[in-house]
PDB file of N, CA and C in Angstrom:
ATOM      1  N   MET A   1       9.384  85.004 168.475  1.00  0.00           N
ATOM      2  CA  MET A   1       8.710  85.255 167.288  1.00  0.00           C
ATOM      3  C   MET A   1       7.801  84.309 167.319  1.00  0.00           C
ATOM      4  N   ALA A   2       8.150  82.719 167.666  1.00  0.00           N
ATOM      5  CA  ALA A   2       7.077  81.639 167.327  1.00  0.00           C
ATOM      6  C   ALA A   2       5.906  82.056 168.531  1.00  0.00           C
ATOM      7  N   ARG A   3       6.007  82.299 169.334  1.00  0.00           N
ATOM      8  CA  ARG A   3       4.870  82.459 170.377  1.00  0.00           C
ATOM      9  C   ARG A   3       3.988  83.079 169.475  1.00  0.00           C
ATOM     10  N   LEU A   4       4.482  84.967 169.299  1.00  0.00           N
ATOM     11  CA  LEU A   4       3.568  85.597 168.555  1.00  0.00           C
ATOM     12  C   LEU A   4       3.082  84.953 167.169  1.00  0.00           C
ATOM     13  N   LEU A   5       3.426  84.464 166.707  1.00  0.00           N
ATOM     14  CA  LEU A   5       2.867  83.870 165.161  1.00  0.00           C
ATOM     15  C   LEU A   5       1.686  83.090 166.253  1.00  0.00           C
ATOM     16  N   THR A   6       2.230  81.994 166.869  1.00  0.00           N
ATOM     17  CA  THR A   6       1.281  81.083 167.538  1.00  0.00           C
ATOM     18  C   THR A   6       0.040  81.670 167.780  1.00  0.00           C
ATOM     19  N   ALA A   7       0.321  82.796 168.630  1.00  0.00           N
ATOM     20  CA  ALA A   7      -0.962  83.601 169.016  1.00  0.00           C
ATOM     21  C   ALA A   7      -1.747  84.153 168.319  1.00  0.00           C
ATOM     22  N   ALA A   8      -1.253  84.835 167.417  1.00  0.00           N
ATOM     23  CA  ALA A   8      -1.615  85.146 166.358  1.00  0.00           C
ATOM     24  C   ALA A   8      -2.880  84.428 165.630  1.00  0.00           C
ATOM     25  N   GLN A   9      -2.153  83.337 165.139  1.00  0.00           N
ATOM     26  CA  GLN A   9      -2.971  82.017 164.638  1.00  0.00           C
ATOM     27  C   GLN A   9      -4.752  82.104 165.523  1.00  0.00           C
ATOM     28  N   LEU A  10      -3.742  81.857 166.994  1.00  0.00           N
ATOM     29  CA  LEU A  10      -5.184  81.246 167.534  1.00  0.00           C
ATOM     30  C   LEU A  10      -6.060  82.701 167.450  1.00  0.00           C
ATOM     31  N   VAL A  11      -5.402  83.837 167.734  1.00  0.00           N
ATOM     32  CA  VAL A  11      -6.315  84.785 167.777  1.00  0.00           C
ATOM     33  C   VAL A  11      -7.635  84.705 166.356  1.00  0.00           C
ATOM     34  N   MET A  12      -7.014  84.376 165.187  1.00  0.00           N
ATOM     35  CA  MET A  12      -7.666  84.297 163.814  1.00  0.00           C
ATOM     36  C   MET A  12      -8.743  83.132 163.780  1.00  0.00           C
ATOM     37  N   LEU A  13      -8.257  82.354 164.752  1.00  0.00           N
ATOM     38  CA  LEU A  13      -9.576  81.311 164.627  1.00  0.00           C
ATOM     39  C   LEU A  13     -10.687  81.704 165.778  1.00  0.00           C
ATOM     40  N   ALA A  14     -10.042  81.828 166.775  1.00  0.00           N
ATOM     41  CA  ALA A  14     -11.104  82.967 167.541  1.00  0.00           C
ATOM     42  C   ALA A  14     -11.734  83.669 167.084  1.00  0.00           C
ATOM     43  N   ARG A  15     -11.560  84.451 166.165  1.00  0.00           N
ATOM     44  CA  ARG A  15     -12.170  85.511 165.664  1.00  0.00           C
ATOM     45  C   ARG A  15     -13.479  84.740 164.728  1.00  0.00           C
ATOM     46  N   ARG A  16     -12.899  83.716 163.862  1.00  0.00           N
ATOM     47  CA  ARG A  16     -13.420  83.310 162.922  1.00  0.00           C
ATOM     48  C   ARG A  16     -14.718  82.558 163.541  1.00  0.00           C
ATOM     49  N   HIS A  17     -14.999  82.508 164.839  1.00  0.00           N
ATOM     50  CA  HIS A  17     -16.098  81.617 165.597  1.00  0.00           C
ATOM     51  C   HIS A  17     -16.663  82.951 166.666  1.00  0.00           C
ATOM     52  N   TRP A  18     -15.988  83.961 166.509  1.00  0.00           N
ATOM     53  CA  TRP A  18     -16.734  84.909 166.952  1.00  0.00           C
ATOM     54  C   TRP A  18     -17.764  85.576 166.357  1.00  0.00           C
ATOM     55  N   LEU A  19     -16.797  85.730 164.891  1.00  0.00           N
ATOM     56  CA  LEU A  19     -17.778  86.297 163.917  1.00  0.00           C
ATOM     57  C   LEU A  19     -19.053  85.785 163.585  1.00  0.00           C
ATOM     58  N   ARG A  20     -19.365  84.276 164.252  1.00  0.00           N
ATOM     59  CA  ARG A  20     -20.678  84.132 163.804  1.00  0.00           C
ATOM     60  C   ARG A  20     -21.980  84.338 164.670  1.00  0.00           C
ATOM     61  N   LEU A  21     -21.265  85.330 165.807  1.00  0.00           N
ATOM     62  CA  LEU A  21     -22.587  85.905 166.153  1.00  0.00           C
ATOM     63  C   LEU A  21     -22.665  86.697 165.800  1.00  0.00           C
ATOM     64  N   GLU A  22     -23.862  87.383 165.424  1.00  0.00           N
ATOM     65  CA  GLU A  22     -24.258  88.919 164.950  1.00  0.00           C
ATOM     66  C   GLU A  22     -24.156  89.927 166.662  1.00  0.00           C
ATOM     67  N   PRO A  23     -23.469  91.413 165.817  1.00  0.00           N
ATOM     68  CA  PRO A  23     -23.379  92.230 166.694  1.00  0.00           C
ATOM     69  C   PRO A  23     -23.784  92.595 167.635  1.00  0.00           C
ATOM     70  N   HIS A  24     -25.370  92.216 167.791  1.00  0.00           N
ATOM     71  CA  HIS A  24     -26.589  92.392 169.157  1.00  0.00           C
ATOM     72  C   HIS A  24     -25.969  91.052 169.693  1.00  0.00           C
ATOM     73  N   GLU A  25     -25.943  89.999 169.638  1.00  0.00           N
ATOM     74  CA  GLU A  25     -25.408  88.933 169.923  1.00  0.00           C
ATOM     75  C   GLU A  25     -24.141  88.707 170.790  1.00  0.00           C
ATOM     76  N   ARG A  26     -22.652  89.547 169.920  1.00  0.00           N
ATOM     77  CA  ARG A  26     -22.054  89.298 170.914  1.00  0.00           C
ATOM     78  C   ARG A  26     -22.018  90.925 172.251  1.00  0.00           C
ATOM     79  N   ARG A  27     -22.892  91.626 171.875  1.00  0.00           N
ATOM     80  CA  ARG A  27     -23.003  93.118 173.002  1.00  0.00           C
ATOM     81  C   ARG A  27     -23.870  91.868 174.068  1.00  0.00           C
ATOM     82  N   ARG A  28     -25.128  91.484 173.849  1.00  0.00           N
ATOM     83  CA  ARG A  28     -25.377  90.589 174.724  1.00  0.00           C
ATOM     84  C   ARG A  28     -24.459  89.604 175.730  1.00  0.00           C
ATOM     85  N   LEU A  29     -23.612  88.713 174.748  1.00  0.00           N
ATOM     86  CA  LEU A  29     -22.879  87.774 175.213  1.00  0.00           C
ATOM     87  C   LEU A  29     -21.947  88.565 176.447  1.00  0.00           C
ATOM     88  N   PHE A  30     -21.308  89.978 176.336  1.00  0.00           N
ATOM     89  CA  PHE A  30     -20.572  90.330 176.740  1.00  0.00           C
ATOM     90  C   PHE A  30     -21.274  90.656 178.259  1.00  0.00           C
ATOM     91  N   THR A  31     -21.836  91.271 177.421  1.00  0.00           N
ATOM     92  CA  THR A  31     -23.414  91.566 178.969  1.00  0.00           C
ATOM     93  C   THR A  31     -23.928  90.275 180.260  1.00  0.00           C
ATOM     94  N   LEU A  32     -23.965  89.389 179.134  1.00  0.00           N
ATOM     95  CA  LEU A  32     -24.488  88.092 180.689  1.00  0.00           C
ATOM     96  C   LEU A  32     -23.137  87.641 181.010  1.00  0.00           C
ATOM     97  N   VAL A  33     -21.408  88.149 180.937  1.00  0.00           N
ATOM     98  CA  VAL A  33     -20.293  87.090 181.534  1.00  0.00           C
ATOM     99  C   VAL A  33     -20.359  88.159 182.560  1.00  0.00           C
ATOM    100  N   ARG A  34     -20.497  89.821 182.256  1.00  0.00           N
ATOM    101  CA  ARG A  34     -19.956  90.604 183.109  1.00  0.00           C
ATOM    102  C   ARG A  34     -21.628  90.273 184.355  1.00  0.00           C
ATOM    103  N   VAL A  35     -22.026  89.894 184.161  1.00  0.00           N
ATOM    104  CA  VAL A  35     -23.421  90.029 185.174  1.00  0.00           C
ATOM    105  C   VAL A  35     -22.579  88.690 186.056  1.00  0.00           C
ATOM    106  N   ALA A  36     -22.538  87.613 185.387  1.00  0.00           N
ATOM    107  CA  ALA A  36     -22.457  86.325 185.907  1.00  0.00           C
ATOM    108  C   ALA A  36     -21.126  86.816 186.811  1.00  0.00           C
ATOM    109  N   THR A  37     -20.241  87.338 186.199  1.00  0.00           N
ATOM    110  CA  THR A  37     -19.342  87.150 186.378  1.00  0.00           C
ATOM    111  C   THR A  37     -18.197  85.804 187.345  1.00  0.00           C
ATOM    112  N   GLY A  38     -18.537  85.073 186.555  1.00  0.00           N
ATOM    113  CA  GLY A  38     -18.283  84.053 186.744  1.00  0.00           C
ATOM    114  C   GLY A  38     -18.891  82.961 187.452  1.00  0.00           C
ATOM    115  N   ARG A  39     -19.731  83.287 187.927  1.00  0.00           N
ATOM    116  CA  ARG A  39     -20.828  82.292 188.984  1.00  0.00           C
ATOM    117  C   ARG A  39     -22.388  82.477 187.926  1.00  0.00           C
ATOM    118  N   ARG A  40     -22.519  81.439 188.011  1.00  0.00           N
ATOM    119  CA  ARG A  40     -23.576  80.791 186.968  1.00  0.00           C
ATOM    120  C   ARG A  40     -24.753  81.636 187.858  1.00  0.00           C
ATOM    121  N   GLY A  41     -24.682  81.536 189.313  1.00  0.00           N
ATOM    122  CA  GLY A  41     -26.080  81.754 190.296  1.00  0.00           C
ATOM    123  C   GLY A  41     -26.544  83.043 189.571  1.00  0.00           C
ATOM    124  N   ARG A  42     -25.342  84.049 189.548  1.00  0.00           N
ATOM    125  CA  ARG A  42     -26.022  84.802 189.634  1.00  0.00           C
ATOM    126  C   ARG A  42     -27.066  85.776 187.794  1.00  0.00           C
ATOM    127  N   LEU A  43     -27.188  84.561 187.684  1.00  0.00           N
ATOM    128  CA  LEU A  43     -27.836  84.768 186.431  1.00  0.00           C
ATOM    129  C   LEU A  43     -29.489  83.840 186.329  1.00  0.00           C
ATOM    130  N   THR A  44     -30.271  84.645 185.952  1.00  0.00           N
ATOM    131  CA  THR A  44     -31.542  83.790 186.085  1.00  0.00           C
ATOM    132  C   THR A  44     -31.530  82.466 184.968  1.00  0.00           C
ATOM    133  N   PRO A  45     -32.736  81.645 185.214  1.00  0.00           N
ATOM    134  CA  PRO A  45     -32.855  80.882 184.606  1.00  0.00           C
ATOM    135  C   PRO A  45     -32.701  80.754 183.085  1.00  0.00           C
ATOM    136  N   ALA A  46     -33.105  82.228 182.600  1.00  0.00           N
ATOM    137  CA  ALA A  46     -33.316  82.426 181.330  1.00  0.00           C
ATOM    138  C   ALA A  46     -32.187  83.028 180.546  1.00  0.00           C
ATOM    139  N   GLU A  47     -31.642  83.640 181.685  1.00  0.00           N
ATOM    140  CA  GLU A  47     -30.060  84.336 181.142  1.00  0.00           C
ATOM    141  C   GLU A  47     -29.513  83.461 180.744  1.00  0.00           C
ATOM    142  N   ARG A  48     -29.380  81.959 182.016  1.00  0.00           N
ATOM    143  CA  ARG A  48     -28.479  80.904 181.567  1.00  0.00           C
ATOM    144  C   ARG A  48     -28.487  80.183 179.986  1.00  0.00           C
ATOM    145  N   PHE A  49     -29.904  80.301 180.094  1.00  0.00           N
ATOM    146  CA  PHE A  49     -30.432  79.739 178.820  1.00  0.00           C
ATOM    147  C   PHE A  49     -30.216  80.058 177.521  1.00  0.00           C
ATOM    148  N   GLU A  50     -29.917  81.819 177.948  1.00  0.00           N
ATOM    149  CA  GLU A  50     -29.896  82.503 176.636  1.00  0.00           C
ATOM    150  C   GLU A  50     -27.838  82.551 176.374  1.00  0.00           C
ATOM    151  N   LEU A  51     -27.227  82.884 177.452  1.00  0.00           N
ATOM    152  CA  LEU A  51     -25.678  82.288 177.413  1.00  0.00           C
ATOM    153  C   LEU A  51     -25.232  81.307 177.052  1.00  0.00           C
ATOM    154  N   ALA A  52     -26.388  80.328 177.113  1.00  0.00           N
ATOM    155  CA  ALA A  52     -25.660  78.489 176.830  1.00  0.00           C
ATOM    156  C   ALA A  52     -25.671  78.962 175.533  1.00  0.00           C
ATOM    157  N   ARG A  53     -27.155  79.210 174.568  1.00  0.00           N
ATOM    158  CA  ARG A  53     -27.334  79.587 173.571  1.00  0.00           C
ATOM    159  C   ARG A  53     -26.434  80.212 172.302  1.00  0.00           C
ATOM    160  N   LEU A  54     -25.920  81.271 173.094  1.00  0.00           N
ATOM    161  CA  LEU A  54     -25.419  81.859 172.242  1.00  0.00           C
ATOM    162  C   LEU A  54     -23.407  81.293 171.937  1.00  0.00           C
ATOM    163  N   ILE A  55     -23.432  80.562 173.670  1.00  0.00           N
ATOM    164  CA  ILE A  55     -22.206  79.894 173.214  1.00  0.00           C
ATOM    165  C   ILE A  55     -22.045  78.821 172.398  1.00  0.00           C
ATOM    166  N   ALA A  56     -23.060  78.149 172.347  1.00  0.00           N
ATOM    167  CA  ALA A  56     -23.148  76.907 171.376  1.00  0.00           C
ATOM    168  C   ALA A  56     -23.336  77.784 170.131  1.00  0.00           C
ATOM    169  N   LYS A  57     -23.899  78.916 169.616  1.00  0.00           N
ATOM    170  CA  LYS A  57     -23.807  79.061 168.268  1.00  0.00           C
ATOM    171  C   LYS A  57     -22.449  79.124 167.761  1.00  0.00           C
ATOM    172  N   ALA A  58     -21.645  79.822 168.853  1.00  0.00           N
ATOM    173  CA  ALA A  58     -20.024  80.383 168.232  1.00  0.00           C
ATOM    174  C   ALA A  58     -19.654  78.640 167.934  1.00  0.00           C
ATOM    175  N   ASP A  59     -20.261  77.501 168.266  1.00  0.00           N
ATOM    176  CA  ASP A  59     -19.475  76.407 168.116  1.00  0.00           C
ATOM    177  C   ASP A  59     -18.185  75.917 169.124  1.00  0.00           C
ATOM    178  N   PRO A  60     -17.934  76.082 170.124  1.00  0.00           N
ATOM    179  CA  PRO A  60     -16.691  76.181 170.696  1.00  0.00           C
ATOM    180  C   PRO A  60     -15.708  74.433 170.500  1.00  0.00           C
ATOM    181  N   LYS A  61     -17.046  73.436 169.830  1.00  0.00           N
ATOM    182  CA  LYS A  61     -16.490  72.177 170.065  1.00  0.00           C
ATOM    183  C   LYS A  61     -15.719  72.437 169.206  1.00  0.00           C
ATOM    184  N   LEU A  62     -15.818  72.621 167.923  1.00  0.00           N
ATOM    185  CA  LEU A  62     -15.282  72.561 166.668  1.00  0.00           C
ATOM    186  C   LEU A  62     -14.286  73.653 166.758  1.00  0.00           C
ATOM    187  N   PHE A  63     -14.503  74.943 167.879  1.00  0.00           N
ATOM    188  CA  PHE A  63     -13.122  75.632 167.676  1.00  0.00           C
ATOM    189  C   PHE A  63     -11.982  74.959 168.390  1.00  0.00           C
ATOM    190  N   ALA A  64     -12.162  74.082 169.562  1.00  0.00           N
ATOM    191  CA  ALA A  64     -11.226  73.340 170.181  1.00  0.00           C
ATOM    192  C   ALA A  64     -10.466  72.593 169.097  1.00  0.00           C
ATOM    193  N   GLY A  65     -11.715  71.408 168.163  1.00  0.00           N
ATOM    194  CA  GLY A  65     -10.851  70.884 167.235  1.00  0.00           C
ATOM    195  C   GLY A  65      -9.936  71.364 166.573  1.00  0.00           C
ATOM    196  N   LEU A  66     -10.134  72.912 165.805  1.00  0.00           N
ATOM    197  CA  LEU A  66      -9.593  73.232 164.569  1.00  0.00           C
ATOM    198  C   LEU A  66      -8.459  73.824 165.847  1.00  0.00           C
ATOM    199  N   VAL A  67      -8.079  73.955 166.970  1.00  0.00           N
ATOM    200  CA  VAL A  67      -7.055  74.653 167.438  1.00  0.00           C
ATOM    201  C   VAL A  67      -6.233  73.732 167.991  1.00  0.00           C
ATOM    202  N   ILE A  68      -6.695  72.417 167.973  1.00  0.00           N
ATOM    203  CA  ILE A  68      -5.553  70.995 168.173  1.00  0.00           C
ATOM    204  C   ILE A  68      -5.102  70.458 167.285  1.00  0.00           C
ATOM    205  N   LYS A  69      -6.165  70.595 165.838  1.00  0.00           N
ATOM    206  CA  LYS A  69      -5.519  70.302 164.405  1.00  0.00           C
ATOM    207  C   LYS A  69      -4.633  71.380 164.178  1.00  0.00           C
ATOM    208  N   GLN A  70      -4.459  72.442 164.502  1.00  0.00           N
ATOM    209  CA  GLN A  70      -3.892  73.716 164.094  1.00  0.00           C
ATOM    210  C   GLN A  70      -1.807  73.784 164.931  1.00  0.00           C
ATOM    211  N   PHE A  71      -2.187  72.890 165.948  1.00  0.00           N
ATOM    212  CA  PHE A  71      -1.060  72.778 166.671  1.00  0.00           C
ATOM    213  C   PHE A  71      -0.798  71.889 167.495  1.00  0.00           C
ATOM    214  N   SER A  72      -1.062  70.577 166.572  1.00  0.00           N
ATOM    215  CA  SER A  72      -0.486  69.007 167.001  1.00  0.00           C
ATOM    216  C   SER A  72       0.420  68.928 166.004  1.00  0.00           C
ATOM    217  N   PRO A  73       0.840  68.329 166.509  1.00  0.00           N
ATOM    218  CA  PRO A  73       2.446  67.942 165.778  1.00  0.00           C
ATOM    219  C   PRO A  73       2.112  66.807 165.134  1.00  0.00           C
ATOM    220  N   VAL A  74       0.799  66.297 165.508  1.00  0.00           N
ATOM    221  CA  VAL A  74       0.864  65.216 164.595  1.00  0.00           C
ATOM    222  C   VAL A  74      -0.503  65.037 164.067  1.00  0.00           C
ATOM    223  N   PRO A  75      -0.517  64.609 162.592  1.00  0.00           N
ATOM    224  CA  PRO A  75      -2.068  64.583 161.986  1.00  0.00           C
ATOM    225  C   PRO A  75      -3.501  63.758 163.080  1.00  0.00           C
ATOM    226  N   LEU A  76      -4.545  64.125 163.401  1.00  0.00           N
ATOM    227  CA  LEU A  76      -5.488  63.701 164.210  1.00  0.00           C
ATOM    228  C   LEU A  76      -6.522  63.551 163.454  1.00  0.00           C
ATOM    229  N   PRO A  77      -7.166  62.069 163.365  1.00  0.00           N
ATOM    230  CA  PRO A  77      -8.268  62.205 162.203  1.00  0.00           C
ATOM    231  C   PRO A  77      -9.636  62.755 162.959  1.00  0.00           C
ATOM    232  N   GLY A  78     -10.200  63.497 161.890  1.00  0.00           N
ATOM    233  CA  GLY A  78     -11.671  63.502 162.861  1.00  0.00           C
ATOM    234  C   GLY A  78     -11.967  65.113 163.545  1.00  0.00           C
ATOM    235  N   LEU A  79     -11.134  65.743 163.968  1.00  0.00           N
ATOM    236  CA  LEU A  79     -10.474  66.892 164.497  1.00  0.00           C
ATOM    237  C   LEU A  79     -11.079  68.387 163.410  1.00  0.00           C
ATOM    238  N   GLY A  80     -11.844  69.367 163.956  1.00  0.00           N
ATOM    239  CA  GLY A  80     -11.811  70.502 163.184  1.00  0.00           C
ATOM    240  C   GLY A  80     -12.682  70.205 162.738  1.00  0.00           C
ATOM    241  N   LYS A  81     -13.923  69.243 162.391  1.00  0.00           N
ATOM    242  CA  LYS A  81     -14.913  69.160 161.316  1.00  0.00           C
ATOM    243  C   LYS A  81     -16.241  69.196 161.936  1.00  0.00           C
ATOM    244  N   LYS A  82     -17.047  70.163 161.107  1.00  0.00           N
ATOM    245  CA  LYS A  82     -18.457  70.017 161.225  1.00  0.00           C
ATOM    246  C   LYS A  82     -19.141  68.926 161.827  1.00  0.00           C
ATOM    247  N   ARG A  83     -20.177  68.648 162.407  1.00  0.00           N
ATOM    248  CA  ARG A  83     -20.972  67.396 162.453  1.00  0.00           C
ATOM    249  C   ARG A  83     -21.889  67.455 161.569  1.00  0.00           C
TER     250      ARG A  83
END
């Protein structure tokens, strides 16, 4: 049961960052990831730039900090704060 609760908390944090993107941006992100299939070389330079911009908008660094802060057994100063 603890694993399910942990997974649910992680999904809720991820959703918060996912919703930073507009619906059309989320669709475009899916399209770019599908086209790339794990290889940057399959995207044009413009598509790579667009993908990087969309990922940056979701703020993965803040997401990682919040995940660590949420699940760390000891308080870690400075994590999960906006720059």
